[in-house]
Amino acid sequence: MKFRRRAGNVAREEVFLNLTSLIDVIFVLLLFFVVTTTFSRPTQLKVDLPEAASGTPPEATELKQLEVAISADGSYSLNGQVLAKSDLTTLMAAVQKESAGDSSLPLTISADGKTPHQAVVTAMDVAGKLGFSHLRITTIEAQAAP
């Protein structure tokens, strides 16, 4: 089938796409994604452990373990979650909730070398009041003096 061209000079109509409304939609979507996105902040304390010349490595166990980390300024974290307040009652409630009342779980205290002694004593006091008998304090092995 053969199509004929129209005779004469017929001006072609230019096709024009209005991109303004498309740009508006893209900006609304961008704004939606920015507002609804949640950014995670790592909540871990930096702890420089003190040195000790003697010690035993922890035993490998399948039991759930509790680790109380104490930073240099005395703030606590339990199993990687920083506690809102650094006091005895908050730490006690967090340990009791995390252990679900099971005081046979091993409890490890990892305190920074520059942590105030009172913060470590508070953590040990919480362990004693809740009846934890498997208490461990984390250190690093001391380097031999040259």
Protein backbone atom coordinates (compact mmCIF):
# COMPACT_ATOMS: atom_id res chain seq x y z
CA MET A 1 0.00 0.00 0.00
CA LYS A 2 1.45 3.29 -1.08
CA PHE A 3 0.66 6.50 0.72
CA ARG A 4 0.81 9.74 -1.07
CA ARG A 5 2.14 12.92 0.34
CA ARG A 6 -0.19 15.77 0.53
CA ALA A 7 0.37 18.31 -2.02
CA GLY A 8 1.47 21.72 -0.99
CA ASN A 9 3.52 23.14 1.80
CA VAL A 10 1.89 22.07 5.00
CA ALA A 11 3.66 23.38 8.08
CA ARG A 12 4.48 20.69 10.57
CA GLU A 13 3.28 21.25 14.09
CA GLU A 14 6.07 21.01 16.67
CA VAL A 15 5.53 18.71 19.59
CA PHE A 16 6.27 20.40 22.92
CA LEU A 17 6.32 18.61 26.27
CA ASN A 18 5.69 20.74 29.31
CA LEU A 19 8.18 19.47 31.91
CA THR A 20 7.16 21.85 34.68
CA SER A 21 4.56 19.54 36.16
CA LEU A 22 6.93 16.57 35.95
CA ILE A 23 9.59 18.50 37.85
CA ASP A 24 7.02 19.45 40.50
CA VAL A 25 6.11 15.79 41.00
CA ILE A 26 9.78 14.80 41.29
CA PHE A 27 10.37 17.47 43.97
CA VAL A 28 7.33 16.31 45.94
CA LEU A 29 8.60 12.70 45.83
CA LEU A 30 12.07 13.82 46.87
CA LEU A 31 10.63 15.77 49.78
CA PHE A 32 8.52 12.76 50.81
CA PHE A 33 11.56 10.44 50.85
CA VAL A 34 13.70 12.91 52.78
CA VAL A 35 11.03 13.41 55.45
CA THR A 36 10.18 9.71 55.87
CA THR A 37 13.75 8.37 55.91
CA THR A 38 15.22 7.51 59.28
CA PHE A 39 18.95 7.69 59.74
CA SER A 40 20.52 5.29 62.20
CA ARG A 41 23.16 6.53 64.54
CA PRO A 42 25.53 3.97 65.98
CA THR A 43 25.10 3.85 69.73
CA GLN A 44 28.30 2.35 70.96
CA LEU A 45 30.70 3.63 73.53
CA LYS A 46 34.43 3.82 72.84
CA VAL A 47 36.15 1.90 75.61
CA ASP A 48 39.94 1.65 76.04
CA LEU A 49 40.35 -1.33 78.33
CA PRO A 50 42.88 -1.28 81.19
CA GLU A 51 45.87 -3.63 81.14
CA ALA A 52 46.42 -6.64 83.39
CA ALA A 53 49.44 -8.95 83.63
CA SER A 54 47.40 -12.05 84.46
CA GLY A 55 43.98 -13.33 83.56
CA THR A 56 42.07 -16.09 81.85
CA PRO A 57 40.25 -15.87 78.54
CA PRO A 58 36.48 -16.25 78.69
CA GLU A 59 35.03 -19.69 78.11
CA ALA A 60 33.05 -20.26 74.94
CA THR A 61 29.41 -20.61 75.90
CA GLU A 62 26.08 -20.86 74.16
CA LEU A 63 24.36 -18.91 76.95
CA LYS A 64 23.18 -15.39 76.40
CA GLN A 65 25.76 -13.01 77.80
CA LEU A 66 25.31 -9.56 79.27
CA GLU A 67 27.98 -6.93 78.74
CA VAL A 68 27.97 -3.66 80.63
CA ALA A 69 30.34 -1.17 78.98
CA ILE A 70 31.38 1.95 80.88
CA SER A 71 32.94 4.85 79.00
CA ALA A 72 35.60 7.22 80.32
CA ASP A 73 32.94 9.76 81.37
CA GLY A 74 30.99 7.11 83.33
CA SER A 75 28.06 6.50 80.95
CA TYR A 76 26.75 2.95 80.67
CA SER A 77 25.69 0.76 77.78
CA LEU A 78 24.19 -2.71 78.01
CA ASN A 79 24.87 -5.09 75.10
CA GLY A 80 25.66 -2.16 72.81
CA GLN A 81 22.64 0.00 73.72
CA VAL A 82 23.56 3.24 75.48
CA LEU A 83 21.43 3.89 78.56
CA ALA A 84 19.61 7.22 78.86
CA LYS A 85 20.79 7.91 82.42
CA SER A 86 23.95 6.82 84.20
CA ASP A 87 22.60 5.91 87.60
CA LEU A 88 22.03 2.79 89.68
CA THR A 89 18.27 2.46 89.16
CA THR A 90 18.44 2.83 85.35
CA LEU A 91 21.26 0.29 85.07
CA MET A 92 19.49 -2.12 87.42
CA ALA A 93 16.22 -1.91 85.47
CA ALA A 94 18.04 -2.41 82.14
CA VAL A 95 20.01 -5.44 83.38
CA GLN A 96 16.92 -6.99 84.93
CA LYS A 97 14.92 -6.48 81.72
CA GLU A 98 17.69 -7.82 79.47
CA SER A 99 18.33 -10.89 81.64
CA ALA A 100 14.61 -11.57 82.16
CA GLY A 101 15.34 -12.36 85.82
CA ASP A 102 17.92 -15.08 85.02
CA SER A 103 20.84 -14.33 87.35
CA SER A 104 22.81 -17.39 86.18
CA LEU A 105 23.82 -15.60 82.97
CA PRO A 106 27.45 -14.43 82.75
CA LEU A 107 27.83 -10.67 83.24
CA THR A 108 30.88 -8.92 81.80
CA ILE A 109 31.93 -5.41 82.83
CA SER A 110 34.08 -3.62 80.25
CA ALA A 111 35.23 -0.34 81.76
CA ASP A 112 37.50 2.21 80.15
CA GLY A 113 40.90 2.60 81.83
CA LYS A 114 40.02 6.20 82.76
CA THR A 115 36.54 5.41 84.09
CA PRO A 116 35.82 6.76 87.58
CA HIS A 117 36.04 3.97 90.13
CA GLN A 118 32.52 4.79 91.35
CA ALA A 119 31.02 3.83 87.96
CA VAL A 120 32.62 0.37 88.11
CA VAL A 121 31.53 -0.09 91.73
CA THR A 122 27.97 0.87 90.73
CA ALA A 123 27.97 -1.78 87.99
CA MET A 124 29.29 -4.38 90.43
CA ASP A 125 26.67 -3.31 92.98
CA VAL A 126 23.91 -3.85 90.40
CA ALA A 127 25.28 -7.33 89.66
CA GLY A 128 25.37 -8.15 93.37
CA LYS A 129 21.87 -6.84 94.08
CA LEU A 130 20.40 -8.83 91.19
CA GLY A 131 22.22 -12.01 92.28
CA PHE A 132 24.66 -12.49 89.38
CA SER A 133 27.41 -14.90 90.38
CA HIS A 134 29.31 -15.16 87.06
CA LEU A 135 30.92 -11.72 87.01
CA ARG A 136 33.86 -10.93 84.75
CA ILE A 137 35.86 -7.71 84.29
CA THR A 138 37.43 -7.24 80.86
CA THR A 139 41.05 -6.16 80.48
CA ILE A 140 43.72 -6.38 77.79
CA GLU A 141 47.01 -8.20 78.25
CA ALA A 142 49.81 -5.95 79.42
CA GLN A 143 52.73 -5.54 77.03
CA ALA A 144 56.12 -6.65 78.31
CA ALA A 145 58.36 -3.72 79.23
CA PRO A 146 61.45 -3.53 76.98
